[in-house]
Amino acid sequence: MSKKAGLDFQLYAITAESNHPGRSLVDVMEQTLIGGAGIVQLRNKTGTREEVLEQAKALRILTRKYNVPFLINDYADIVLEIDAEGVHLGQEDMPIAEARRLLGQERIIGISTHNLQQAKAAERDGADYIGVGPVFPTNTKPGRPAVTTSYVAEAARHISIPFVAIGGISPSNVNAVLAAGAKRICAVSSIVGSDDPAEVCRSFLRQINSAAFGYKSITVNGQQEQSSARTIDELVVELGQQNKKLVVELNGQIVQRALWAETVLHSGAIVELVHFVGGG
């Protein structure tokens, strides 16, 4: 796998052991990969270098198993020692130029940014991607004011390198972040702090793809589907059922055939299509 090819991701998962007491780091992060996370970062702000190195070795084995890029927060030397794909830096960490000198051109360098000025500086200095956040208040960055979705919108308009929105993002508020222009999402506590990290990752990806391709999540005859249909009429055509005799029920209410073309489908809709055969 090319190091820079790792930037083609939608969902970014970061470690946070304090969010899953009693469960191992590797087990939790494997669940994120099963759920579809496309990149993993080891972030350990309190451990010793030796502890970080041991965790990095274990996650290096895991990420190779799933063929996803592995980044390490702060420790460029550990990146080289275990052959990780790259490093993620904060605004107070080593300059991008120094990290590039140490890591070379092929490895990924990302940096957290909190305003457009920092984002433009990171782009100018050669970062491969930036973090944009925290979008919402988060315990991961205590005391750091939220940048809100307005900064996400600024980054979408003015920054040409990839950016990932981060900070307090959950499946319940991610649509606002996507609507502001984000195409890549990072979540920490909402993923690794959940009882089912894999399913939370799948939920994020469904919503990211819905925003990217104009899809919405609906349930059709008990099965969850991703649909681009705007109305019941379009859904029937999309499903290839336009020549069938159907009764259509939307959210528990039968919709008359004459109203299909004007009945709008919203994400989360529950649709039942019932075939019927006339007789005499």
Protein backbone atom coordinates (compact mmCIF):
# COMPACT_ATOMS: atom_id res chain seq x y z
CA MET A 1 0.00 0.00 0.00
CA SER A 2 1.37 3.42 -0.98
CA LYS A 3 1.79 5.67 2.04
CA LYS A 4 -0.01 8.65 0.42
CA ALA A 5 -2.78 6.40 -0.92
CA GLY A 6 -3.95 6.25 2.70
CA LEU A 7 -5.49 9.69 2.32
CA ASP A 8 -8.40 8.19 0.41
CA PHE A 9 -10.56 7.56 3.48
CA GLN A 10 -13.97 8.60 4.81
CA LEU A 11 -13.85 7.62 8.48
CA TYR A 12 -10.87 8.19 10.78
CA ALA A 13 -10.70 6.42 14.15
CA ILE A 14 -8.49 7.52 17.06
CA THR A 15 -7.61 5.58 20.19
CA ALA A 16 -8.84 6.73 23.61
CA GLU A 17 -8.38 4.04 26.23
CA SER A 18 -10.12 6.06 28.93
CA ASN A 19 -13.36 5.64 26.99
CA HIS A 20 -13.40 1.84 27.19
CA PRO A 21 -12.18 0.66 30.61
CA GLY A 22 -12.03 -3.10 30.84
CA ARG A 23 -11.66 -3.61 27.08
CA SER A 24 -8.32 -3.94 25.35
CA LEU A 25 -7.03 -1.31 22.95
CA VAL A 26 -6.48 -3.80 20.16
CA ASP A 27 -9.91 -5.41 20.52
CA VAL A 28 -11.71 -2.06 20.41
CA MET A 29 -9.71 -0.77 17.46
CA GLU A 30 -10.26 -4.01 15.58
CA GLN A 31 -13.98 -3.41 15.93
CA THR A 32 -13.55 0.01 14.30
CA LEU A 33 -11.80 -1.65 11.38
CA ILE A 34 -14.49 -4.32 11.08
CA GLY A 35 -16.98 -1.45 10.91
CA GLY A 36 -15.11 0.22 8.07
CA ALA A 37 -12.76 2.83 9.56
CA GLY A 38 -10.30 3.73 6.83
CA ILE A 39 -7.43 5.08 8.93
CA VAL A 40 -6.32 4.68 12.56
CA GLN A 41 -4.35 6.99 14.81
CA LEU A 42 -2.69 6.05 18.09
CA ARG A 43 -3.08 8.95 20.50
CA ASN A 44 -1.64 8.54 23.99
CA LYS A 45 -0.87 11.80 25.75
CA THR A 46 -0.19 10.34 29.19
CA GLY A 47 1.86 7.18 28.60
CA THR A 48 5.63 6.89 28.52
CA ARG A 49 7.43 6.52 25.23
CA GLU A 50 7.92 2.82 25.99
CA GLU A 51 4.18 2.36 26.54
CA VAL A 52 3.36 4.20 23.33
CA LEU A 53 5.89 2.06 21.44
CA GLU A 54 4.33 -1.18 22.71
CA GLN A 55 0.85 -0.01 21.73
CA ALA A 56 2.17 1.11 18.35
CA LYS A 57 3.69 -2.31 17.67
CA ALA A 58 0.41 -4.05 18.47
CA LEU A 59 -1.66 -1.66 16.33
CA ARG A 60 0.86 -1.91 13.50
CA ILE A 61 0.14 -5.66 13.31
CA LEU A 62 -3.61 -5.01 13.43
CA THR A 63 -3.66 -2.28 10.76
CA ARG A 64 -1.54 -4.39 8.43
CA LYS A 65 -4.03 -7.21 8.86
CA TYR A 66 -6.80 -4.90 7.61
CA ASN A 67 -4.57 -3.02 5.15
CA VAL A 68 -5.38 0.44 6.50
CA PRO A 69 -2.95 3.31 7.21
CA PHE A 70 -1.66 3.76 10.73
CA LEU A 71 -0.62 7.15 12.11
CA ILE A 72 0.92 8.02 15.45
CA ASN A 73 0.25 11.21 17.35
CA ASP A 74 3.42 13.22 18.13
CA TYR A 75 6.06 10.48 17.91
CA ALA A 76 7.75 10.78 14.50
CA ASP A 77 10.60 8.57 15.72
CA ILE A 78 8.19 5.73 16.54
CA VAL A 79 6.67 6.13 13.07
CA LEU A 80 10.08 5.27 11.64
CA GLU A 81 10.78 2.53 14.17
CA ILE A 82 7.65 0.52 13.36
CA ASP A 83 7.19 1.70 9.74
CA ALA A 84 3.85 3.42 10.25
CA GLU A 85 2.31 5.45 7.45
CA GLY A 86 2.69 8.78 9.17
CA VAL A 87 2.40 11.19 12.07
CA HIS A 88 -0.25 13.57 13.35
CA LEU A 89 0.91 16.79 14.93
CA GLY A 90 -0.66 19.48 17.09
CA GLN A 91 -0.06 23.19 16.74
CA GLU A 92 2.51 23.06 19.56
CA ASP A 93 4.40 20.04 18.23
CA MET A 94 7.40 19.94 15.90
CA PRO A 95 7.13 22.05 12.74
CA ILE A 96 5.89 20.34 9.60
CA ALA A 97 9.24 21.03 7.88
CA GLU A 98 11.12 19.15 10.61
CA ALA A 99 8.70 16.23 10.48
CA ARG A 100 9.09 16.10 6.70
CA ARG A 101 12.87 16.09 7.01
CA LEU A 102 12.67 13.14 9.41
CA LEU A 103 9.97 11.15 7.63
CA GLY A 104 10.60 11.91 3.96
CA GLN A 105 8.13 12.64 1.21
CA GLU A 106 6.27 9.33 1.18
CA ARG A 107 4.91 9.36 4.69
CA ILE A 108 1.74 11.18 5.72
CA ILE A 109 1.92 14.29 7.89
CA GLY A 110 -1.30 15.62 9.35
CA ILE A 111 -1.81 18.54 11.69
CA SER A 112 -4.65 19.80 13.86
CA THR A 113 -5.97 23.27 12.99
CA HIS A 114 -8.50 25.48 14.73
CA ASN A 115 -8.96 28.33 12.27
CA LEU A 116 -8.49 29.15 8.61
CA GLN A 117 -5.17 30.92 9.18
CA GLN A 118 -3.67 27.77 10.67
CA ALA A 119 -5.17 25.69 7.87
CA LYS A 120 -3.63 27.85 5.17
CA ALA A 121 -0.27 27.76 6.95
CA ALA A 122 -0.40 23.97 7.15
CA GLU A 123 -1.21 23.71 3.46
CA ARG A 124 1.60 26.10 2.58
CA ASP A 125 4.08 24.22 4.79
CA GLY A 126 3.38 20.86 3.12
CA ALA A 127 0.91 19.03 5.35
CA ASP A 128 -0.83 16.14 3.60
CA TYR A 129 -4.10 16.69 5.47
CA ILE A 130 -5.44 18.80 8.31
CA GLY A 131 -7.79 18.20 11.19
CA VAL A 132 -10.57 20.79 11.43
CA GLY A 133 -11.96 21.16 14.91
CA PRO A 134 -13.09 20.67 17.50
CA VAL A 135 -16.36 21.17 15.67
CA PHE A 136 -18.38 20.65 18.86
CA PRO A 137 -17.28 20.72 22.52
CA THR A 138 -15.46 17.52 23.44
CA ASN A 139 -13.81 15.99 26.50
CA THR A 140 -10.95 14.90 24.25
CA LYS A 141 -9.91 18.57 24.01
CA PRO A 142 -10.95 20.05 27.38
CA GLY A 143 -10.91 23.83 27.41
CA ARG A 144 -10.63 24.12 23.64
CA PRO A 145 -13.55 26.20 22.29
CA ALA A 146 -15.60 24.63 19.54
CA VAL A 147 -14.91 26.00 16.06
CA THR A 148 -18.48 25.12 14.95
CA THR A 149 -19.48 24.09 11.46
CA SER A 150 -18.60 27.58 10.19
CA TYR A 151 -14.91 26.64 10.14
CA VAL A 152 -15.78 23.38 8.38
CA ALA A 153 -17.48 25.46 5.68
CA GLU A 154 -14.44 27.77 5.44
CA ALA A 155 -12.09 24.82 5.04
CA ALA A 156 -14.32 23.33 2.34
CA ARG A 157 -14.21 26.61 0.40
CA HIS A 158 -10.58 27.60 0.84
CA ILE A 159 -8.41 24.51 1.48
CA SER A 160 -7.35 22.20 -1.34
CA ILE A 161 -5.63 19.45 0.66
CA PRO A 162 -7.82 16.84 2.38
CA PHE A 163 -9.33 17.82 5.71
CA VAL A 164 -11.05 15.76 8.36
CA ALA A 165 -13.68 17.23 10.67
CA ILE A 166 -13.19 16.22 14.29
CA GLY A 167 -14.44 17.00 17.77
CA GLY A 168 -17.66 15.97 19.47
CA ILE A 169 -19.02 14.41 16.29
CA SER A 170 -21.57 11.61 16.65
CA PRO A 171 -24.09 9.89 14.39
CA SER A 172 -26.74 12.27 15.76
CA ASN A 173 -24.98 15.47 14.65
CA VAL A 174 -22.76 14.38 11.77
CA ASN A 175 -25.27 15.43 9.11
CA ALA A 176 -24.75 19.09 10.04
CA VAL A 177 -21.00 18.63 9.60
CA LEU A 178 -21.46 16.94 6.23
CA ALA A 179 -23.86 19.67 5.12
CA ALA A 180 -21.15 22.23 5.89
CA GLY A 181 -18.86 20.54 3.36
CA ALA A 182 -16.94 17.82 5.22
CA LYS A 183 -16.24 14.62 3.28
CA ARG A 184 -14.05 12.96 5.92
CA ILE A 185 -15.09 12.49 9.53
CA CYS A 186 -13.10 11.63 12.63
CA ALA A 187 -14.71 10.50 15.84
CA VAL A 188 -13.21 9.36 19.11
CA SER A 189 -15.50 8.86 22.11
CA SER A 190 -18.64 8.21 20.09
CA ILE A 191 -16.89 5.25 18.45
CA VAL A 192 -14.46 3.75 20.96
CA GLY A 193 -16.69 4.61 23.91
CA SER A 194 -19.67 2.76 22.49
CA ASP A 195 -20.69 -0.80 23.27
CA ASP A 196 -20.56 -1.61 19.54
CA PRO A 197 -17.80 0.38 17.79
CA ALA A 198 -18.29 -1.53 14.54
CA GLU A 199 -21.95 -0.56 14.25
CA VAL A 200 -21.23 3.08 15.10
CA CYS A 201 -18.64 3.11 12.30
CA ARG A 202 -21.19 1.64 9.90
CA SER A 203 -23.70 4.30 10.94
CA PHE A 204 -21.17 7.06 10.24
CA LEU A 205 -20.33 5.59 6.84
CA ARG A 206 -23.98 5.29 5.85
CA GLN A 207 -24.46 8.97 6.57
CA ILE A 208 -21.21 10.02 4.87
CA ASN A 209 -22.17 8.10 1.75
CA SER A 210 -25.70 9.44 1.84
CA ALA A 211 -24.34 12.99 1.83
CA ALA A 212 -21.74 12.25 -0.83
CA PHE A 213 -24.01 10.49 -3.29
CA GLY A 214 -27.40 11.96 -2.48
CA TYR A 215 -28.57 8.74 -0.84
CA LYS A 216 -30.88 8.43 2.12
CA SER A 217 -31.30 5.52 4.49
CA ILE A 218 -34.80 4.02 4.34
CA THR A 219 -36.33 0.70 5.30
CA VAL A 220 -38.12 -1.19 2.52
CA ASN A 221 -40.08 -4.30 3.53
CA GLY A 222 -37.96 -4.67 6.64
CA GLN A 223 -34.59 -4.26 4.90
CA GLN A 224 -32.44 -1.14 5.27
CA GLU A 225 -31.66 0.39 1.87
CA GLN A 226 -29.66 3.32 0.52
CA SER A 227 -31.87 5.13 -1.97
CA SER A 228 -31.52 8.24 -4.14
CA ALA A 229 -35.27 8.37 -4.75
CA ARG A 230 -36.94 11.65 -3.81
CA THR A 231 -40.52 10.39 -3.94
CA ILE A 232 -42.43 7.13 -3.68
CA ASP A 233 -42.88 7.17 -7.45
CA GLU A 234 -39.10 7.35 -7.97
CA LEU A 235 -38.54 4.60 -5.39
CA VAL A 236 -40.91 2.24 -7.19
CA VAL A 237 -39.01 2.85 -10.43
CA GLU A 238 -35.64 2.49 -8.69
CA LEU A 239 -36.74 -0.91 -7.40
CA GLY A 240 -38.00 -1.98 -10.82
CA GLN A 241 -41.57 -2.36 -9.56
CA GLN A 242 -43.27 0.23 -11.77
CA ASN A 243 -45.16 -2.37 -13.80
CA LYS A 244 -46.45 -4.22 -10.75
CA LYS A 245 -49.74 -3.76 -8.95
CA LEU A 246 -48.73 -2.38 -5.59
CA VAL A 247 -50.09 -1.07 -2.36
CA VAL A 248 -47.57 1.31 -0.80
CA GLU A 249 -47.49 2.05 2.91
CA LEU A 250 -45.29 4.89 4.21
CA ASN A 251 -44.61 5.08 7.94
CA GLY A 252 -47.74 3.04 8.64
CA GLN A 253 -50.08 4.94 6.31
CA ILE A 254 -51.29 3.75 2.90
CA VAL A 255 -50.44 6.26 0.16
CA GLN A 256 -52.85 6.49 -2.76
CA ARG A 257 -51.36 5.80 -6.20
CA ALA A 258 -52.27 9.29 -7.41
CA LEU A 259 -50.10 10.78 -4.66
CA TRP A 260 -46.91 8.76 -5.20
CA ALA A 261 -45.22 11.40 -7.39
CA GLU A 262 -45.69 14.13 -4.78
CA THR A 263 -45.05 12.13 -1.62
CA VAL A 264 -41.50 12.95 -0.51
CA LEU A 265 -39.26 10.30 1.04
CA HIS A 266 -37.11 11.40 3.96
CA SER A 267 -34.16 9.60 5.52
CA GLY A 268 -35.43 7.08 8.06
CA ALA A 269 -38.69 6.42 6.18
CA ILE A 270 -40.28 2.99 6.58
CA VAL A 271 -41.85 1.75 3.36
CA GLU A 272 -43.88 -1.39 2.74
CA LEU A 273 -44.54 -2.50 -0.84
CA VAL A 274 -47.27 -5.11 -1.11
CA HIS A 275 -48.03 -6.86 -4.41
CA PHE A 276 -51.61 -7.68 -5.04
CA VAL A 277 -53.36 -9.66 -7.71
CA GLY A 278 -56.84 -8.72 -8.81
CA GLY A 279 -59.46 -11.38 -9.37
CA GLY A 280 -63.08 -11.83 -10.14
